[in-house]
């Protein structure tokens, strides 16, 4: 059964997961995935125009105008 993920099948994905587990170790993988998740979230926020600097600037302008 072929998956749409880069044309990889189930066996290839399982093999990659085992290699990653051996290479990084069981304790390091959750930390890596957390970093990947933060990176993806940051990228999506950047695409949507959600930026901490723009919201902070808008809040500062509201406080000075009030």
PDB file of N, CA and C in Angstrom:
ATOM      1  N   UNK A   1       0.845  -1.181   0.000  1.00  0.00           N
ATOM      2  CA  UNK A   1       0.000   0.000   0.000  1.00  0.00           C
ATOM      3  C   UNK A   1       0.887   1.240   0.000  1.00  0.00           C
ATOM      4  N   UNK A   2       0.744   2.077  -0.994  1.00  0.00           N
ATOM      5  CA  UNK A   2       1.548   3.290  -1.099  1.00  0.00           C
ATOM      6  C   UNK A   2       0.855   4.449  -0.398  1.00  0.00           C
ATOM      7  N   UNK A   3       1.597   5.180   0.391  1.00  0.00           N
ATOM      8  CA  UNK A   3       1.087   6.376   1.032  1.00  0.00           C
ATOM      9  C   UNK A   3       1.474   7.587   0.199  1.00  0.00           C
ATOM     10  N   UNK A   4       0.787   8.677   0.408  1.00  0.00           N
ATOM     11  CA  UNK A   4       1.065   9.884  -0.352  1.00  0.00           C
ATOM     12  C   UNK A   4       2.302  10.622   0.157  1.00  0.00           C
ATOM     13  N   UNK A   5       2.828  10.195   1.272  1.00  0.00           N
ATOM     14  CA  UNK A   5       3.986  10.839   1.873  1.00  0.00           C
ATOM     15  C   UNK A   5       5.248  10.473   1.095  1.00  0.00           C
ATOM     16  N   UNK A   6       5.564  11.260   0.103  1.00  0.00           N
ATOM     17  CA  UNK A   6       6.766  11.091  -0.709  1.00  0.00           C
ATOM     18  C   UNK A   6       6.822   9.732  -1.407  1.00  0.00           C
ATOM     19  N   UNK A   7       5.684   9.128  -1.627  1.00  0.00           N
ATOM     20  CA  UNK A   7       5.645   7.850  -2.315  1.00  0.00           C
ATOM     21  C   UNK A   7       6.204   6.701  -1.488  1.00  0.00           C
ATOM     22  N   UNK A   8       6.220   6.838  -0.177  1.00  0.00           N
ATOM     23  CA  UNK A   8       6.759   5.793   0.692  1.00  0.00           C
ATOM     24  C   UNK A   8       5.645   4.847   1.126  1.00  0.00           C
ATOM     25  N   UNK A   9       5.971   3.591   1.198  1.00  0.00           N
ATOM     26  CA  UNK A   9       5.030   2.594   1.679  1.00  0.00           C
ATOM     27  C   UNK A   9       5.139   2.429   3.180  1.00  0.00           C
ATOM     28  N   UNK A  10       4.310   1.578   3.717  1.00  0.00           N
ATOM     29  CA  UNK A  10       4.280   1.345   5.158  1.00  0.00           C
ATOM     30  C   UNK A  10       5.596   0.769   5.658  1.00  0.00           C
ATOM     31  N   UNK A  11       6.159  -0.161   4.920  1.00  0.00           N
ATOM     32  CA  UNK A  11       7.411  -0.788   5.351  1.00  0.00           C
ATOM     33  C   UNK A  11       8.552   0.223   5.376  1.00  0.00           C
ATOM     34  N   UNK A  12       8.593   1.110   4.394  1.00  0.00           N
ATOM     35  CA  UNK A  12       9.660   2.114   4.365  1.00  0.00           C
ATOM     36  C   UNK A  12       9.549   3.080   5.537  1.00  0.00           C
ATOM     37  N   UNK A  13       8.320   3.467   5.886  1.00  0.00           N
ATOM     38  CA  UNK A  13       8.117   4.384   7.013  1.00  0.00           C
ATOM     39  C   UNK A  13       8.519   3.717   8.321  1.00  0.00           C
ATOM     40  N   UNK A  14       8.174   2.449   8.487  1.00  0.00           N
ATOM     41  CA  UNK A  14       8.566   1.710   9.698  1.00  0.00           C
ATOM     42  C   UNK A  14      10.087   1.604   9.778  1.00  0.00           C
ATOM     43  N   UNK A  15      10.735   1.334   8.665  1.00  0.00           N
ATOM     44  CA  UNK A  15      12.191   1.244   8.633  1.00  0.00           C
ATOM     45  C   UNK A  15      12.827   2.580   8.996  1.00  0.00           C
ATOM     46  N   UNK A  16      12.295   3.673   8.461  1.00  0.00           N
ATOM     47  CA  UNK A  16      12.822   5.001   8.797  1.00  0.00           C
ATOM     48  C   UNK A  16      12.631   5.315  10.280  1.00  0.00           C
ATOM     49  N   UNK A  17      11.498   4.918  10.845  1.00  0.00           N
ATOM     50  CA  UNK A  17      11.247   5.153  12.267  1.00  0.00           C
ATOM     51  C   UNK A  17      12.240   4.373  13.126  1.00  0.00           C
ATOM     52  N   UNK A  18      12.534   3.147  12.748  1.00  0.00           N
ATOM     53  CA  UNK A  18      13.503   2.332  13.506  1.00  0.00           C
ATOM     54  C   UNK A  18      14.897   2.933  13.414  1.00  0.00           C
ATOM     55  N   UNK A  19      15.282   3.370  12.232  1.00  0.00           N
ATOM     56  CA  UNK A  19      16.600   3.993  12.054  1.00  0.00           C
ATOM     57  C   UNK A  19      16.692   5.278  12.876  1.00  0.00           C
ATOM     58  N   UNK A  20      15.625   6.086  12.871  1.00  0.00           N
ATOM     59  CA  UNK A  20      15.626   7.317  13.662  1.00  0.00           C
ATOM     60  C   UNK A  20      15.728   7.003  15.150  1.00  0.00           C
ATOM     61  N   UNK A  21      15.026   5.973  15.587  1.00  0.00           N
ATOM     62  CA  UNK A  21      15.084   5.578  16.994  1.00  0.00           C
ATOM     63  C   UNK A  21      16.483   5.142  17.384  1.00  0.00           C
ATOM     64  N   UNK A  22      17.137   4.386  16.516  1.00  0.00           N
ATOM     65  CA  UNK A  22      18.508   3.945  16.799  1.00  0.00           C
ATOM     66  C   UNK A  22      19.498   5.106  16.751  1.00  0.00           C
ATOM     67  N   UNK A  23      19.270   6.019  15.829  1.00  0.00           N
ATOM     68  CA  UNK A  23      20.206   7.127  15.645  1.00  0.00           C
ATOM     69  C   UNK A  23      20.104   8.164  16.765  1.00  0.00           C
ATOM     70  N   UNK A  24      18.877   8.551  17.119  1.00  0.00           N
ATOM     71  CA  UNK A  24      18.684   9.619  18.102  1.00  0.00           C
ATOM     72  C   UNK A  24      18.439   9.109  19.512  1.00  0.00           C
ATOM     73  N   UNK A  25      17.910   7.926  19.651  1.00  0.00           N
ATOM     74  CA  UNK A  25      17.579   7.411  20.972  1.00  0.00           C
ATOM     75  C   UNK A  25      16.160   7.783  21.359  1.00  0.00           C
ATOM     76  N   UNK A  26      15.601   7.023  22.261  1.00  0.00           N
ATOM     77  CA  UNK A  26      14.206   7.203  22.650  1.00  0.00           C
ATOM     78  C   UNK A  26      13.916   8.498  23.376  1.00  0.00           C
ATOM     79  N   UNK A  27      14.891   9.022  24.113  1.00  0.00           N
ATOM     80  CA  UNK A  27      14.650  10.243  24.884  1.00  0.00           C
ATOM     81  C   UNK A  27      14.746  11.496  24.032  1.00  0.00           C
ATOM     82  N   UNK A  28      15.484  11.443  22.968  1.00  0.00           N
ATOM     83  CA  UNK A  28      15.724  12.648  22.164  1.00  0.00           C
ATOM     84  C   UNK A  28      14.615  12.891  21.133  1.00  0.00           C
ATOM     85  N   UNK A  29      13.927  11.845  20.694  1.00  0.00           N
ATOM     86  CA  UNK A  29      12.921  11.992  19.640  1.00  0.00           C
ATOM     87  C   UNK A  29      11.767  12.915  20.045  1.00  0.00           C
ATOM     88  N   UNK A  30      11.183  12.813  21.253  1.00  0.00           N
ATOM     89  CA  UNK A  30      10.106  13.760  21.617  1.00  0.00           C
ATOM     90  C   UNK A  30      10.575  15.218  21.603  1.00  0.00           C
ATOM     91  N   UNK A  31      11.815  15.453  22.019  1.00  0.00           N
ATOM     92  CA  UNK A  31      12.356  16.811  21.990  1.00  0.00           C
ATOM     93  C   UNK A  31      12.484  17.314  20.555  1.00  0.00           C
ATOM     94  N   UNK A  32      12.924  16.437  19.662  1.00  0.00           N
ATOM     95  CA  UNK A  32      13.046  16.813  18.259  1.00  0.00           C
ATOM     96  C   UNK A  32      11.687  17.121  17.651  1.00  0.00           C
ATOM     97  N   UNK A  33      10.691  16.311  17.948  1.00  0.00           N
ATOM     98  CA  UNK A  33       9.355  16.521  17.399  1.00  0.00           C
ATOM     99  C   UNK A  33       8.728  17.804  17.955  1.00  0.00           C
ATOM    100  N   UNK A  34       9.023  18.112  19.210  1.00  0.00           N
ATOM    101  CA  UNK A  34       8.524  19.358  19.807  1.00  0.00           C
ATOM    102  C   UNK A  34       9.122  20.556  19.073  1.00  0.00           C
ATOM    103  N   UNK A  35      10.404  20.479  18.763  1.00  0.00           N
ATOM    104  CA  UNK A  35      11.052  21.548  18.010  1.00  0.00           C
ATOM    105  C   UNK A  35      10.502  21.678  16.599  1.00  0.00           C
ATOM    106  N   UNK A  36      10.229  20.542  15.972  1.00  0.00           N
ATOM    107  CA  UNK A  36       9.646  20.565  14.624  1.00  0.00           C
ATOM    108  C   UNK A  36       8.260  21.193  14.672  1.00  0.00           C
ATOM    109  N   UNK A  37       7.472  20.835  15.678  1.00  0.00           N
ATOM    110  CA  UNK A  37       6.129  21.401  15.828  1.00  0.00           C
ATOM    111  C   UNK A  37       6.153  22.902  16.026  1.00  0.00           C
ATOM    112  N   UNK A  38       7.079  23.379  16.848  1.00  0.00           N
ATOM    113  CA  UNK A  38       7.206  24.825  17.053  1.00  0.00           C
ATOM    114  C   UNK A  38       7.621  25.518  15.766  1.00  0.00           C
ATOM    115  N   UNK A  39       8.514  24.883  15.010  1.00  0.00           N
ATOM    116  CA  UNK A  39       8.954  25.468  13.746  1.00  0.00           C
ATOM    117  C   UNK A  39       7.827  25.559  12.736  1.00  0.00           C
ATOM    118  N   UNK A  40       7.025  24.507  12.640  1.00  0.00           N
ATOM    119  CA  UNK A  40       5.892  24.512  11.716  1.00  0.00           C
ATOM    120  C   UNK A  40       4.868  25.558  12.136  1.00  0.00           C
ATOM    121  N   UNK A  41       4.588  25.649  13.433  1.00  0.00           N
ATOM    122  CA  UNK A  41       3.640  26.645  13.932  1.00  0.00           C
ATOM    123  C   UNK A  41       4.136  28.054  13.640  1.00  0.00           C
ATOM    124  N   UNK A  42       5.411  28.283  13.855  1.00  0.00           N
ATOM    125  CA  UNK A  42       5.996  29.593  13.578  1.00  0.00           C
ATOM    126  C   UNK A  42       5.910  29.921  12.093  1.00  0.00           C
ATOM    127  N   UNK A  43       6.158  28.936  11.248  1.00  0.00           N
ATOM    128  CA  UNK A  43       6.079  29.134   9.802  1.00  0.00           C
ATOM    129  C   UNK A  43       4.656  29.476   9.382  1.00  0.00           C
ATOM    130  N   UNK A  44       3.672  28.737   9.919  1.00  0.00           N
ATOM    131  CA  UNK A  44       2.270  29.009   9.584  1.00  0.00           C
ATOM    132  C   UNK A  44       1.856  30.398  10.063  1.00  0.00           C
ATOM    133  N   UNK A  45       2.267  30.767  11.267  1.00  0.00           N
ATOM    134  CA  UNK A  45       1.948  32.097  11.782  1.00  0.00           C
ATOM    135  C   UNK A  45       2.573  33.179  10.911  1.00  0.00           C
ATOM    136  N   UNK A  46       3.772  32.931  10.424  1.00  0.00           N
ATOM    137  CA  UNK A  46       4.422  33.885   9.541  1.00  0.00           C
ATOM    138  C   UNK A  46       3.692  34.028   8.225  1.00  0.00           C
ATOM    139  N   UNK A  47       3.168  32.927   7.705  1.00  0.00           N
ATOM    140  CA  UNK A  47       2.402  32.986   6.464  1.00  0.00           C
ATOM    141  C   UNK A  47       1.087  33.722   6.650  1.00  0.00           C
ATOM    142  N   UNK A  48       0.475  33.559   7.815  1.00  0.00           N
ATOM    143  CA  UNK A  48      -0.803  34.202   8.090  1.00  0.00           C
ATOM    144  C   UNK A  48      -0.641  35.649   8.539  1.00  0.00           C
ATOM    145  N   UNK A  49       0.576  36.090   8.722  1.00  0.00           N
ATOM    146  CA  UNK A  49       0.822  37.461   9.142  1.00  0.00           C
ATOM    147  C   UNK A  49       0.737  37.653  10.639  1.00  0.00           C
ATOM    148  N   UNK A  50       0.617  36.574  11.381  1.00  0.00           N
ATOM    149  CA  UNK A  50       0.592  36.667  12.836  1.00  0.00           C
ATOM    150  C   UNK A  50       2.026  36.741  13.317  1.00  0.00           C
ATOM    151  N   UNK A  51       2.403  37.885  13.802  1.00  0.00           N
ATOM    152  CA  UNK A  51       3.772  38.077  14.252  1.00  0.00           C
ATOM    153  C   UNK A  51       3.742  38.776  15.597  1.00  0.00           C
ATOM    154  N   UNK A  52       4.563  38.361  16.509  1.00  0.00           N
ATOM    155  CA  UNK A  52       4.592  38.974  17.837  1.00  0.00           C
ATOM    156  C   UNK A  52       4.916  40.448  17.755  1.00  0.00           C
ATOM    157  N   UNK A  53       5.789  40.823  16.850  1.00  0.00           N
ATOM    158  CA  UNK A  53       6.184  42.220  16.736  1.00  0.00           C
ATOM    159  C   UNK A  53       5.017  43.087  16.276  1.00  0.00           C
ATOM    160  N   UNK A  54       4.220  42.608  15.326  1.00  0.00           N
ATOM    161  CA  UNK A  54       3.108  43.417  14.830  1.00  0.00           C
ATOM    162  C   UNK A  54       2.027  43.545  15.887  1.00  0.00           C
ATOM    163  N   UNK A  55       1.764  42.498  16.662  1.00  0.00           N
ATOM    164  CA  UNK A  55       0.744  42.605  17.697  1.00  0.00           C
ATOM    165  C   UNK A  55       1.237  43.499  18.826  1.00  0.00           C
ATOM    166  N   UNK A  56       2.516  43.415  19.157  1.00  0.00           N
ATOM    167  CA  UNK A  56       3.059  44.275  20.195  1.00  0.00           C
ATOM    168  C   UNK A  56       3.040  45.734  19.759  1.00  0.00           C
ATOM    169  N   UNK A  57       3.350  46.025  18.498  1.00  0.00           N
ATOM    170  CA  UNK A  57       3.312  47.385  17.993  1.00  0.00           C
ATOM    171  C   UNK A  57       1.897  47.935  18.019  1.00  0.00           C
ATOM    172  N   UNK A  58       0.926  47.117  17.661  1.00  0.00           N
ATOM    173  CA  UNK A  58      -0.469  47.545  17.672  1.00  0.00           C
ATOM    174  C   UNK A  58      -0.924  47.842  19.095  1.00  0.00           C
ATOM    175  N   UNK A  59      -0.520  47.018  20.056  1.00  0.00           N
ATOM    176  CA  UNK A  59      -0.884  47.254  21.450  1.00  0.00           C
ATOM    177  C   UNK A  59      -0.253  48.541  21.968  1.00  0.00           C
ATOM    178  N   UNK A  60       0.980  48.804  21.600  1.00  0.00           N
ATOM    179  CA  UNK A  60       1.657  50.030  22.035  1.00  0.00           C
ATOM    180  C   UNK A  60       0.967  51.258  21.465  1.00  0.00           C
ATOM    181  N   UNK A  61       0.565  51.184  20.202  1.00  0.00           N
ATOM    182  CA  UNK A  61      -0.133  52.311  19.579  1.00  0.00           C
ATOM    183  C   UNK A  61      -1.478  52.552  20.230  1.00  0.00           C
ATOM    184  N   UNK A  62      -2.192  51.503  20.619  1.00  0.00           N
ATOM    185  CA  UNK A  62      -3.488  51.655  21.287  1.00  0.00           C
ATOM    186  C   UNK A  62      -3.317  52.303  22.643  1.00  0.00           C
ATOM    187  N   UNK A  63      -2.269  51.954  23.359  1.00  0.00           N
ATOM    188  CA  UNK A  63      -2.039  52.515  24.697  1.00  0.00           C
ATOM    189  C   UNK A  63      -1.664  53.992  24.613  1.00  0.00           C
ATOM    190  N   UNK A  64      -0.892  54.361  23.595  1.00  0.00           N
ATOM    191  CA  UNK A  64      -0.479  55.759  23.490  1.00  0.00           C
ATOM    192  C   UNK A  64      -1.605  56.644  22.987  1.00  0.00           C
ATOM    193  N   UNK A  65      -2.529  56.098  22.208  1.00  0.00           N
ATOM    194  CA  UNK A  65      -3.644  56.873  21.676  1.00  0.00           C
ATOM    195  C   UNK A  65      -4.786  56.974  22.662  1.00  0.00           C
ATOM    196  N   UNK A  66      -4.812  56.148  23.704  1.00  0.00           N
ATOM    197  CA  UNK A  66      -5.946  56.134  24.651  1.00  0.00           C
ATOM    198  C   UNK A  66      -5.820  57.204  25.679  1.00  0.00           C
TER     199      UNK A  66
END
